[in-house]
Amino acid sequence: MSSFATITIAPGAVERLPADQTAKPDGLLARQRIEPVSTARHRVPRWLRRLSGPVLLVLLWHVASQTGVLPGEVLAGPTTVIGSAAKLIDNGELQDAMLISLSRALAGLAIGGSIGVTLAVVAGLFRLGEDLVDATMQMLRTVPAVALIPLLIIWFGIGEAPKIALIALGTAFPLYLNVYAGIRNVDSTLVEAGRTLGLSRAAMIRHVVLPGALPSALVGLRYSLGIAWLALVFGEQINATAGIGYLMATAREMFQTDVIVVCLVVYALLGLGVDFTVRTLERVFLAWRPAFSGT
């Protein structure tokens, strides 16, 4: 087993090479792998460290339930919640509710996101568009979407339309604000460079402005997804006959805290799933942008 030599080649990086292979006979260095010092310092895998917090919380919850510190009528224990989730999965009720709630959230996000992004592009690219759109959007975004539920019921009835409209209203404004800010904060030197290269207005927008605004747009998408789930909770209280909110409302009337916790966990898992999707999109579309990942 060959010995290893450690060679410091830059601040924050170390180089490990077999002692007998530090150089080739022709004087050229052999292929080397550079590892950051921060990577070598962490012994515990990062996914395990991230998982330790939720696991500890569940353990504390279980201990409190078993010792009677947390009575079952106040909050059911983890074992009871898991049993209730298994029953809901066996009869297919939970899967159907998840699909219905997810479809509502995505439909509202698609409508609200399209409106928000379109208005942000108009206001961000054109001064006339800013004058016509921005003041109105800034005024409307201060109105709580939940306060519009009575009007939505009057306008759309008590079917699916008011639920989707509520989600659309809640998700439009974060995307508008972030896309608008992203367009207006594009580096002016890049714009001047594009003009120097003779790019047309359309080419400037396509190759300079929109890529520069993409990081802010993805941040706005993550905010909008969070608000979509919050609006979904309120929306599914509007005479819902299916969905996670319907299960929660029924469990509330029956004082079934275990079913309520199952629904809350499902909301959280669905939110984490779509957020993970956006984070994956960030890694794909923003691979060109180096970013600080912590120490």
C-alpha atoms as a PDB file:
ATOM      1  CA  MET A   1       0.000   0.000   0.000  1.00  0.00           C
ATOM      2  CA  SER A   2       1.701   3.180  -1.179  1.00  0.00           C
ATOM      3  CA  SER A   3       2.181   6.180   1.082  1.00  0.00           C
ATOM      4  CA  PHE A   4       0.603   9.537   0.281  1.00  0.00           C
ATOM      5  CA  ALA A   5       2.033  13.019   0.267  1.00  0.00           C
ATOM      6  CA  THR A   6      -0.120  16.106   0.876  1.00  0.00           C
ATOM      7  CA  ILE A   7       0.687  19.187  -1.207  1.00  0.00           C
ATOM      8  CA  THR A   8      -1.036  22.509  -0.559  1.00  0.00           C
ATOM      9  CA  ILE A   9      -1.722  24.142  -3.920  1.00  0.00           C
ATOM     10  CA  ALA A  10      -4.131  26.983  -3.088  1.00  0.00           C
ATOM     11  CA  PRO A  11      -5.942  28.440  -0.078  1.00  0.00           C
ATOM     12  CA  GLY A  12      -8.856  26.144   0.731  1.00  0.00           C
ATOM     13  CA  ALA A  13      -7.617  23.178  -1.338  1.00  0.00           C
ATOM     14  CA  VAL A  14      -5.252  20.259  -0.745  1.00  0.00           C
ATOM     15  CA  GLU A  15      -3.692  17.798  -3.153  1.00  0.00           C
ATOM     16  CA  ARG A  16      -3.001  14.173  -2.288  1.00  0.00           C
ATOM     17  CA  LEU A  17      -0.654  12.236  -4.548  1.00  0.00           C
ATOM     18  CA  PRO A  18       1.129   8.926  -4.192  1.00  0.00           C
ATOM     19  CA  ALA A  19       4.635   9.764  -3.048  1.00  0.00           C
ATOM     20  CA  ASP A  20       6.161   7.802  -5.923  1.00  0.00           C
ATOM     21  CA  GLN A  21       3.942   9.434  -8.577  1.00  0.00           C
ATOM     22  CA  THR A  22       4.373  13.149  -7.892  1.00  0.00           C
ATOM     23  CA  ALA A  23       6.006  13.651 -11.291  1.00  0.00           C
ATOM     24  CA  LYS A  24       6.407  11.870 -14.565  1.00  0.00           C
ATOM     25  CA  PRO A  25       9.818  11.100 -16.026  1.00  0.00           C
ATOM     26  CA  ASP A  26       9.376  13.862 -18.592  1.00  0.00           C
ATOM     27  CA  GLY A  27       8.900  16.451 -15.857  1.00  0.00           C
ATOM     28  CA  LEU A  28       5.114  16.770 -16.209  1.00  0.00           C
ATOM     29  CA  LEU A  29       2.923  16.292 -13.179  1.00  0.00           C
ATOM     30  CA  ALA A  30       0.604  13.305 -13.179  1.00  0.00           C
ATOM     31  CA  ARG A  31      -3.157  13.775 -13.227  1.00  0.00           C
ATOM     32  CA  GLN A  32      -4.220  15.273  -9.915  1.00  0.00           C
ATOM     33  CA  ARG A  33      -7.531  15.516  -8.110  1.00  0.00           C
ATOM     34  CA  ILE A  34      -8.127  18.671  -6.116  1.00  0.00           C
ATOM     35  CA  GLU A  35     -10.431  18.498  -3.086  1.00  0.00           C
ATOM     36  CA  PRO A  36     -11.575  21.500  -1.015  1.00  0.00           C
ATOM     37  CA  VAL A  37     -10.459  21.514   2.602  1.00  0.00           C
ATOM     38  CA  SER A  38     -14.112  21.927   3.672  1.00  0.00           C
ATOM     39  CA  THR A  39     -14.999  18.631   1.969  1.00  0.00           C
ATOM     40  CA  ALA A  40     -12.177  16.746   3.647  1.00  0.00           C
ATOM     41  CA  ARG A  41     -13.049  18.229   7.041  1.00  0.00           C
ATOM     42  CA  HIS A  42     -16.640  16.918   7.204  1.00  0.00           C
ATOM     43  CA  ARG A  43     -16.632  13.281   8.310  1.00  0.00           C
ATOM     44  CA  VAL A  44     -20.446  12.829   8.538  1.00  0.00           C
ATOM     45  CA  PRO A  45     -22.317  12.792   5.192  1.00  0.00           C
ATOM     46  CA  ARG A  46     -24.317  15.939   4.654  1.00  0.00           C
ATOM     47  CA  TRP A  47     -27.586  14.105   3.973  1.00  0.00           C
ATOM     48  CA  LEU A  48     -27.253  12.403   7.370  1.00  0.00           C
ATOM     49  CA  ARG A  49     -26.679  15.734   9.131  1.00  0.00           C
ATOM     50  CA  ARG A  50     -29.727  17.229   7.396  1.00  0.00           C
ATOM     51  CA  LEU A  51     -31.846  14.245   8.416  1.00  0.00           C
ATOM     52  CA  SER A  52     -30.833  14.380  12.071  1.00  0.00           C
ATOM     53  CA  GLY A  53     -33.062  17.381  12.883  1.00  0.00           C
ATOM     54  CA  PRO A  54     -36.386  15.863  11.732  1.00  0.00           C
ATOM     55  CA  VAL A  55     -35.499  12.483  13.262  1.00  0.00           C
ATOM     56  CA  LEU A  56     -34.732  14.104  16.622  1.00  0.00           C
ATOM     57  CA  LEU A  57     -38.026  16.007  16.506  1.00  0.00           C
ATOM     58  CA  VAL A  58     -39.988  12.800  15.862  1.00  0.00           C
ATOM     59  CA  LEU A  59     -38.157  11.042  18.687  1.00  0.00           C
ATOM     60  CA  LEU A  60     -39.035  13.832  21.115  1.00  0.00           C
ATOM     61  CA  TRP A  61     -42.641  13.677  19.938  1.00  0.00           C
ATOM     62  CA  HIS A  62     -42.710   9.901  20.494  1.00  0.00           C
ATOM     63  CA  VAL A  63     -41.187  10.163  23.956  1.00  0.00           C
ATOM     64  CA  ALA A  64     -43.635  12.905  24.960  1.00  0.00           C
ATOM     65  CA  SER A  65     -46.558  10.793  23.744  1.00  0.00           C
ATOM     66  CA  GLN A  66     -45.397   7.610  25.485  1.00  0.00           C
ATOM     67  CA  THR A  67     -44.719   9.343  28.810  1.00  0.00           C
ATOM     68  CA  GLY A  68     -48.059  11.154  28.827  1.00  0.00           C
ATOM     69  CA  VAL A  69     -46.526  14.627  28.642  1.00  0.00           C
ATOM     70  CA  LEU A  70     -48.414  15.066  25.345  1.00  0.00           C
ATOM     71  CA  PRO A  71     -51.908  13.553  25.754  1.00  0.00           C
ATOM     72  CA  GLY A  72     -53.411  11.728  22.804  1.00  0.00           C
ATOM     73  CA  GLU A  73     -56.493  13.940  22.745  1.00  0.00           C
ATOM     74  CA  VAL A  74     -54.243  16.968  22.281  1.00  0.00           C
ATOM     75  CA  LEU A  75     -51.959  15.414  19.655  1.00  0.00           C
ATOM     76  CA  ALA A  76     -51.798  11.779  18.594  1.00  0.00           C
ATOM     77  CA  GLY A  77     -48.456  10.022  18.832  1.00  0.00           C
ATOM     78  CA  PRO A  78     -46.302   8.984  15.858  1.00  0.00           C
ATOM     79  CA  THR A  79     -47.391   5.336  16.019  1.00  0.00           C
ATOM     80  CA  THR A  80     -51.076   6.311  15.900  1.00  0.00           C
ATOM     81  CA  VAL A  81     -50.428   8.712  13.038  1.00  0.00           C
ATOM     82  CA  ILE A  82     -48.567   6.046  11.058  1.00  0.00           C
ATOM     83  CA  GLY A  83     -51.426   3.603  11.620  1.00  0.00           C
ATOM     84  CA  SER A  84     -53.992   6.136  10.402  1.00  0.00           C
ATOM     85  CA  ALA A  85     -51.865   6.917   7.348  1.00  0.00           C
ATOM     86  CA  ALA A  86     -51.658   3.197   6.542  1.00  0.00           C
ATOM     87  CA  LYS A  87     -55.455   2.870   6.716  1.00  0.00           C
ATOM     88  CA  LEU A  88     -55.967   5.895   4.445  1.00  0.00           C
ATOM     89  CA  ILE A  89     -53.466   4.473   1.967  1.00  0.00           C
ATOM     90  CA  ASP A  90     -55.050   1.016   2.024  1.00  0.00           C
ATOM     91  CA  ASN A  91     -58.485   2.331   1.068  1.00  0.00           C
ATOM     92  CA  GLY A  92     -56.986   4.723  -1.516  1.00  0.00           C
ATOM     93  CA  GLU A  93     -58.473   7.812   0.103  1.00  0.00           C
ATOM     94  CA  LEU A  94     -55.153   9.512   0.748  1.00  0.00           C
ATOM     95  CA  GLN A  95     -53.811   9.014  -2.782  1.00  0.00           C
ATOM     96  CA  ASP A  96     -56.973  10.443  -4.346  1.00  0.00           C
ATOM     97  CA  ALA A  97     -56.864  13.459  -2.026  1.00  0.00           C
ATOM     98  CA  MET A  98     -53.200  14.092  -2.843  1.00  0.00           C
ATOM     99  CA  LEU A  99     -53.819  14.027  -6.590  1.00  0.00           C
ATOM    100  CA  ILE A 100     -56.775  16.408  -6.323  1.00  0.00           C
ATOM    101  CA  SER A 101     -54.916  18.889  -4.104  1.00  0.00           C
ATOM    102  CA  LEU A 102     -51.789  18.738  -6.249  1.00  0.00           C
ATOM    103  CA  SER A 103     -53.792  19.371  -9.418  1.00  0.00           C
ATOM    104  CA  ARG A 104     -55.460  22.395  -7.811  1.00  0.00           C
ATOM    105  CA  ALA A 105     -52.142  23.847  -6.694  1.00  0.00           C
ATOM    106  CA  LEU A 106     -50.454  23.352 -10.051  1.00  0.00           C
ATOM    107  CA  ALA A 107     -53.427  24.739 -11.989  1.00  0.00           C
ATOM    108  CA  GLY A 108     -53.517  27.859  -9.834  1.00  0.00           C
ATOM    109  CA  LEU A 109     -49.745  28.246 -10.088  1.00  0.00           C
ATOM    110  CA  ALA A 110     -49.844  27.914 -13.869  1.00  0.00           C
ATOM    111  CA  ILE A 111     -52.508  30.611 -14.209  1.00  0.00           C
ATOM    112  CA  GLY A 112     -51.108  32.995 -11.610  1.00  0.00           C
ATOM    113  CA  GLY A 113     -47.508  32.417 -12.685  1.00  0.00           C
ATOM    114  CA  SER A 114     -48.281  33.101 -16.335  1.00  0.00           C
ATOM    115  CA  ILE A 115     -50.026  36.351 -15.460  1.00  0.00           C
ATOM    116  CA  GLY A 116     -47.286  37.437 -13.056  1.00  0.00           C
ATOM    117  CA  VAL A 117     -44.401  36.667 -15.420  1.00  0.00           C
ATOM    118  CA  THR A 118     -46.113  38.321 -18.393  1.00  0.00           C
ATOM    119  CA  LEU A 119     -46.819  41.530 -16.492  1.00  0.00           C
ATOM    120  CA  ALA A 120     -43.284  41.527 -15.035  1.00  0.00           C
ATOM    121  CA  VAL A 121     -41.726  41.243 -18.498  1.00  0.00           C
ATOM    122  CA  VAL A 122     -43.914  44.079 -19.798  1.00  0.00           C
ATOM    123  CA  ALA A 123     -43.120  46.311 -16.820  1.00  0.00           C
ATOM    124  CA  GLY A 124     -39.446  45.378 -16.716  1.00  0.00           C
ATOM    125  CA  LEU A 125     -38.626  45.814 -20.383  1.00  0.00           C
ATOM    126  CA  PHE A 126     -40.681  48.895 -21.229  1.00  0.00           C
ATOM    127  CA  ARG A 127     -40.993  52.153 -19.326  1.00  0.00           C
ATOM    128  CA  LEU A 128     -44.540  52.624 -20.591  1.00  0.00           C
ATOM    129  CA  GLY A 129     -45.353  49.137 -19.319  1.00  0.00           C
ATOM    130  CA  GLU A 130     -43.919  50.017 -15.923  1.00  0.00           C
ATOM    131  CA  ASP A 131     -46.046  53.152 -15.753  1.00  0.00           C
ATOM    132  CA  LEU A 132     -49.200  51.227 -16.622  1.00  0.00           C
ATOM    133  CA  VAL A 133     -48.626  48.010 -14.680  1.00  0.00           C
ATOM    134  CA  ASP A 134     -46.316  48.435 -11.691  1.00  0.00           C
ATOM    135  CA  ALA A 135     -48.371  50.862  -9.600  1.00  0.00           C
ATOM    136  CA  THR A 136     -51.472  48.690  -9.957  1.00  0.00           C
ATOM    137  CA  MET A 137     -49.590  45.498  -9.033  1.00  0.00           C
ATOM    138  CA  GLN A 138     -47.964  47.142  -6.024  1.00  0.00           C
ATOM    139  CA  MET A 139     -51.388  48.249  -4.832  1.00  0.00           C
ATOM    140  CA  LEU A 140     -53.113  44.900  -5.355  1.00  0.00           C
ATOM    141  CA  ARG A 141     -50.370  42.823  -3.726  1.00  0.00           C
ATOM    142  CA  THR A 142     -51.077  44.465  -0.346  1.00  0.00           C
ATOM    143  CA  VAL A 143     -54.635  43.102  -0.347  1.00  0.00           C
ATOM    144  CA  PRO A 144     -54.735  39.747   1.524  1.00  0.00           C
ATOM    145  CA  ALA A 145     -55.837  37.049  -0.890  1.00  0.00           C
ATOM    146  CA  VAL A 146     -57.802  35.316   1.875  1.00  0.00           C
ATOM    147  CA  ALA A 147     -59.945  38.445   2.276  1.00  0.00           C
ATOM    148  CA  LEU A 148     -61.127  37.960  -1.305  1.00  0.00           C
ATOM    149  CA  ILE A 149     -62.725  34.567  -0.602  1.00  0.00           C
ATOM    150  CA  PRO A 150     -66.283  36.009  -0.222  1.00  0.00           C
ATOM    151  CA  LEU A 151     -65.966  37.807  -3.558  1.00  0.00           C
ATOM    152  CA  LEU A 152     -64.549  34.720  -5.246  1.00  0.00           C
ATOM    153  CA  ILE A 153     -67.504  32.671  -4.032  1.00  0.00           C
ATOM    154  CA  ILE A 154     -69.925  35.289  -5.374  1.00  0.00           C
ATOM    155  CA  TRP A 155     -68.103  35.465  -8.716  1.00  0.00           C
ATOM    156  CA  PHE A 156     -67.305  31.795  -9.302  1.00  0.00           C
ATOM    157  CA  GLY A 157     -69.650  29.873  -7.021  1.00  0.00           C
ATOM    158  CA  ILE A 158     -68.488  27.111  -4.670  1.00  0.00           C
ATOM    159  CA  GLY A 159     -66.922  24.701  -7.154  1.00  0.00           C
ATOM    160  CA  GLU A 160     -63.297  24.348  -8.221  1.00  0.00           C
ATOM    161  CA  ALA A 161     -63.004  27.823  -9.771  1.00  0.00           C
ATOM    162  CA  PRO A 162     -62.728  29.880  -6.532  1.00  0.00           C
ATOM    163  CA  LYS A 163     -60.104  27.517  -5.128  1.00  0.00           C
ATOM    164  CA  ILE A 164     -57.923  27.774  -8.228  1.00  0.00           C
ATOM    165  CA  ALA A 165     -58.507  31.534  -8.460  1.00  0.00           C
ATOM    166  CA  LEU A 166     -57.359  31.991  -4.855  1.00  0.00           C
ATOM    167  CA  ILE A 167     -54.141  30.087  -5.554  1.00  0.00           C
ATOM    168  CA  ALA A 168     -53.587  32.057  -8.763  1.00  0.00           C
ATOM    169  CA  LEU A 169     -53.947  35.366  -6.919  1.00  0.00           C
ATOM    170  CA  GLY A 170     -51.515  34.284  -4.228  1.00  0.00           C
ATOM    171  CA  THR A 171     -48.836  33.044  -6.640  1.00  0.00           C
ATOM    172  CA  ALA A 172     -48.910  35.855  -9.208  1.00  0.00           C
ATOM    173  CA  PHE A 173     -47.339  38.567  -7.063  1.00  0.00           C
ATOM    174  CA  PRO A 174     -44.126  36.820  -5.869  1.00  0.00           C
ATOM    175  CA  LEU A 175     -43.283  35.899  -9.458  1.00  0.00           C
ATOM    176  CA  TYR A 176     -44.090  39.404 -10.670  1.00  0.00           C
ATOM    177  CA  LEU A 177     -41.886  41.078  -8.058  1.00  0.00           C
ATOM    178  CA  ASN A 178     -38.911  38.771  -8.534  1.00  0.00           C
ATOM    179  CA  VAL A 179     -38.981  38.678 -12.326  1.00  0.00           C
ATOM    180  CA  TYR A 180     -39.418  42.453 -12.492  1.00  0.00           C
ATOM    181  CA  ALA A 181     -36.533  42.996 -10.068  1.00  0.00           C
ATOM    182  CA  GLY A 182     -34.394  40.473 -11.938  1.00  0.00           C
ATOM    183  CA  ILE A 183     -34.892  42.272 -15.248  1.00  0.00           C
ATOM    184  CA  ARG A 184     -34.163  45.682 -13.785  1.00  0.00           C
ATOM    185  CA  ASN A 185     -31.059  44.446 -11.937  1.00  0.00           C
ATOM    186  CA  VAL A 186     -29.307  42.956 -14.965  1.00  0.00           C
ATOM    187  CA  ASP A 187     -25.721  44.208 -15.059  1.00  0.00           C
ATOM    188  CA  SER A 188     -25.647  47.343 -17.207  1.00  0.00           C
ATOM    189  CA  THR A 189     -22.152  46.513 -18.438  1.00  0.00           C
ATOM    190  CA  LEU A 190     -23.528  43.343 -20.047  1.00  0.00           C
ATOM    191  CA  VAL A 191     -26.202  45.387 -21.786  1.00  0.00           C
ATOM    192  CA  GLU A 192     -23.604  47.859 -23.065  1.00  0.00           C
ATOM    193  CA  ALA A 193     -21.444  44.971 -24.256  1.00  0.00           C
ATOM    194  CA  GLY A 194     -24.386  43.565 -26.167  1.00  0.00           C
ATOM    195  CA  ARG A 195     -25.015  46.906 -27.814  1.00  0.00           C
ATOM    196  CA  THR A 196     -21.347  47.178 -28.725  1.00  0.00           C
ATOM    197  CA  LEU A 197     -21.552  43.763 -30.381  1.00  0.00           C
ATOM    198  CA  GLY A 198     -24.515  44.964 -32.409  1.00  0.00           C
ATOM    199  CA  LEU A 199     -27.204  42.759 -30.869  1.00  0.00           C
ATOM    200  CA  SER A 200     -30.733  43.599 -31.883  1.00  0.00           C
ATOM    201  CA  ARG A 201     -33.347  44.387 -29.231  1.00  0.00           C
ATOM    202  CA  ALA A 202     -34.819  40.893 -29.479  1.00  0.00           C
ATOM    203  CA  ALA A 203     -31.378  39.273 -29.275  1.00  0.00           C
ATOM    204  CA  MET A 204     -30.500  41.490 -26.310  1.00  0.00           C
ATOM    205  CA  ILE A 205     -33.587  40.348 -24.451  1.00  0.00           C
ATOM    206  CA  ARG A 206     -33.032  36.697 -25.306  1.00  0.00           C
ATOM    207  CA  HIS A 207     -29.291  36.420 -24.669  1.00  0.00           C
ATOM    208  CA  VAL A 208     -28.645  39.050 -21.985  1.00  0.00           C
ATOM    209  CA  VAL A 209     -31.727  40.265 -20.103  1.00  0.00           C
ATOM    210  CA  LEU A 210     -33.718  37.066 -19.619  1.00  0.00           C
ATOM    211  CA  PRO A 211     -30.716  34.868 -18.617  1.00  0.00           C
ATOM    212  CA  GLY A 212     -29.673  37.590 -16.174  1.00  0.00           C
ATOM    213  CA  ALA A 213     -33.166  37.654 -14.652  1.00  0.00           C
ATOM    214  CA  LEU A 214     -33.460  33.854 -14.438  1.00  0.00           C
ATOM    215  CA  PRO A 215     -31.975  33.495 -10.902  1.00  0.00           C
ATOM    216  CA  SER A 216     -34.525  35.955  -9.493  1.00  0.00           C
ATOM    217  CA  ALA A 217     -37.314  34.259 -11.445  1.00  0.00           C
ATOM    218  CA  LEU A 218     -36.500  30.873  -9.897  1.00  0.00           C
ATOM    219  CA  VAL A 219     -36.453  32.435  -6.429  1.00  0.00           C
ATOM    220  CA  GLY A 220     -39.875  33.885  -7.159  1.00  0.00           C
ATOM    221  CA  LEU A 221     -41.070  30.463  -8.280  1.00  0.00           C
ATOM    222  CA  ARG A 222     -40.020  28.943  -4.964  1.00  0.00           C
ATOM    223  CA  TYR A 223     -41.878  31.677  -3.059  1.00  0.00           C
ATOM    224  CA  SER A 224     -44.934  31.162  -5.236  1.00  0.00           C
ATOM    225  CA  LEU A 225     -44.919  27.416  -4.571  1.00  0.00           C
ATOM    226  CA  GLY A 226     -44.900  28.042  -0.833  1.00  0.00           C
ATOM    227  CA  ILE A 227     -47.802  30.455  -1.115  1.00  0.00           C
ATOM    228  CA  ALA A 228     -49.637  28.004  -3.383  1.00  0.00           C
ATOM    229  CA  TRP A 229     -49.790  25.438  -0.584  1.00  0.00           C
ATOM    230  CA  LEU A 230     -50.863  28.082   1.925  1.00  0.00           C
ATOM    231  CA  ALA A 231     -53.624  29.285  -0.402  1.00  0.00           C
ATOM    232  CA  LEU A 232     -54.612  25.683  -1.048  1.00  0.00           C
ATOM    233  CA  VAL A 233     -55.290  25.136   2.658  1.00  0.00           C
ATOM    234  CA  PHE A 234     -57.684  28.097   2.708  1.00  0.00           C
ATOM    235  CA  GLY A 235     -59.143  27.282  -0.698  1.00  0.00           C
ATOM    236  CA  GLU A 236     -60.036  23.736   0.254  1.00  0.00           C
ATOM    237  CA  GLN A 237     -62.154  25.077   3.103  1.00  0.00           C
ATOM    238  CA  ILE A 238     -64.600  26.494   0.513  1.00  0.00           C
ATOM    239  CA  ASN A 239     -67.201  23.708   0.465  1.00  0.00           C
ATOM    240  CA  ALA A 240     -64.627  21.121  -0.595  1.00  0.00           C
ATOM    241  CA  THR A 241     -65.815  17.569  -1.187  1.00  0.00           C
ATOM    242  CA  ALA A 242     -62.390  16.099  -1.942  1.00  0.00           C
ATOM    243  CA  GLY A 243     -58.718  16.818  -1.336  1.00  0.00           C
ATOM    244  CA  ILE A 244     -56.414  17.045   1.658  1.00  0.00           C
ATOM    245  CA  GLY A 245     -58.321  20.032   3.028  1.00  0.00           C
ATOM    246  CA  TYR A 246     -61.546  18.033   2.943  1.00  0.00           C
ATOM    247  CA  LEU A 247     -59.915  15.253   4.953  1.00  0.00           C
ATOM    248  CA  MET A 248     -58.683  17.810   7.485  1.00  0.00           C
ATOM    249  CA  ALA A 249     -62.103  19.443   7.812  1.00  0.00           C
ATOM    250  CA  THR A 250     -63.770  16.058   8.357  1.00  0.00           C
ATOM    251  CA  ALA A 251     -61.130  15.023  10.900  1.00  0.00           C
ATOM    252  CA  ARG A 252     -61.546  18.327  12.739  1.00  0.00           C
ATOM    253  CA  GLU A 253     -65.263  17.704  13.188  1.00  0.00           C
ATOM    254  CA  MET A 254     -64.520  14.195  14.485  1.00  0.00           C
ATOM    255  CA  PHE A 255     -61.621  15.369  16.725  1.00  0.00           C
ATOM    256  CA  GLN A 256     -59.247  12.990  14.892  1.00  0.00           C
ATOM    257  CA  THR A 257     -55.894  14.638  15.557  1.00  0.00           C
ATOM    258  CA  ASP A 258     -54.068  11.697  13.974  1.00  0.00           C
ATOM    259  CA  VAL A 259     -55.738  12.274  10.586  1.00  0.00           C
ATOM    260  CA  ILE A 260     -55.088  16.009  10.874  1.00  0.00           C
ATOM    261  CA  VAL A 261     -51.377  15.320  11.426  1.00  0.00           C
ATOM    262  CA  VAL A 262     -51.340  12.950   8.434  1.00  0.00           C
ATOM    263  CA  CYS A 263     -52.803  15.697   6.248  1.00  0.00           C
ATOM    264  CA  LEU A 264     -50.275  18.230   7.535  1.00  0.00           C
ATOM    265  CA  VAL A 265     -47.428  15.830   6.789  1.00  0.00           C
ATOM    266  CA  VAL A 266     -48.794  15.274   3.279  1.00  0.00           C
ATOM    267  CA  TYR A 267     -48.959  19.033   2.704  1.00  0.00           C
ATOM    268  CA  ALA A 268     -45.349  19.305   3.869  1.00  0.00           C
ATOM    269  CA  LEU A 269     -44.150  16.414   1.701  1.00  0.00           C
ATOM    270  CA  LEU A 270     -45.885  17.757  -1.394  1.00  0.00           C
ATOM    271  CA  GLY A 271     -44.345  21.172  -0.748  1.00  0.00           C
ATOM    272  CA  LEU A 272     -40.892  19.665  -0.292  1.00  0.00           C
ATOM    273  CA  GLY A 273     -41.313  17.657  -3.468  1.00  0.00           C
ATOM    274  CA  VAL A 274     -42.114  20.624  -5.675  1.00  0.00           C
ATOM    275  CA  ASP A 275     -39.436  22.706  -3.958  1.00  0.00           C
ATOM    276  CA  PHE A 276     -36.900  19.974  -4.695  1.00  0.00           C
ATOM    277  CA  THR A 277     -37.999  20.112  -8.321  1.00  0.00           C
ATOM    278  CA  VAL A 278     -37.295  23.843  -8.463  1.00  0.00           C
ATOM    279  CA  ARG A 279     -33.923  23.399  -6.773  1.00  0.00           C
ATOM    280  CA  THR A 280     -33.064  20.810  -9.418  1.00  0.00           C
ATOM    281  CA  LEU A 281     -34.044  23.273 -12.129  1.00  0.00           C
ATOM    282  CA  GLU A 282     -31.769  25.847 -10.493  1.00  0.00           C
ATOM    283  CA  ARG A 283     -28.823  23.466 -10.640  1.00  0.00           C
ATOM    284  CA  VAL A 284     -29.544  22.715 -14.309  1.00  0.00           C
ATOM    285  CA  PHE A 285     -30.273  26.202 -15.630  1.00  0.00           C
ATOM    286  CA  LEU A 286     -27.848  28.092 -13.383  1.00  0.00           C
ATOM    287  CA  ALA A 287     -24.857  25.777 -13.766  1.00  0.00           C
ATOM    288  CA  TRP A 288     -23.001  28.686 -15.368  1.00  0.00           C
ATOM    289  CA  ARG A 289     -23.240  30.761 -12.193  1.00  0.00           C
ATOM    290  CA  PRO A 290     -20.786  29.878  -9.401  1.00  0.00           C
ATOM    291  CA  ALA A 291     -22.377  30.264  -5.985  1.00  0.00           C
ATOM    292  CA  PHE A 292     -21.238  30.033  -2.350  1.00  0.00           C
ATOM    293  CA  SER A 293     -22.463  26.762  -0.787  1.00  0.00           C
ATOM    294  CA  GLY A 294     -21.487  27.332   2.848  1.00  0.00           C
ATOM    295  CA  THR A 295     -18.448  26.483   4.947  1.00  0.00           C
END
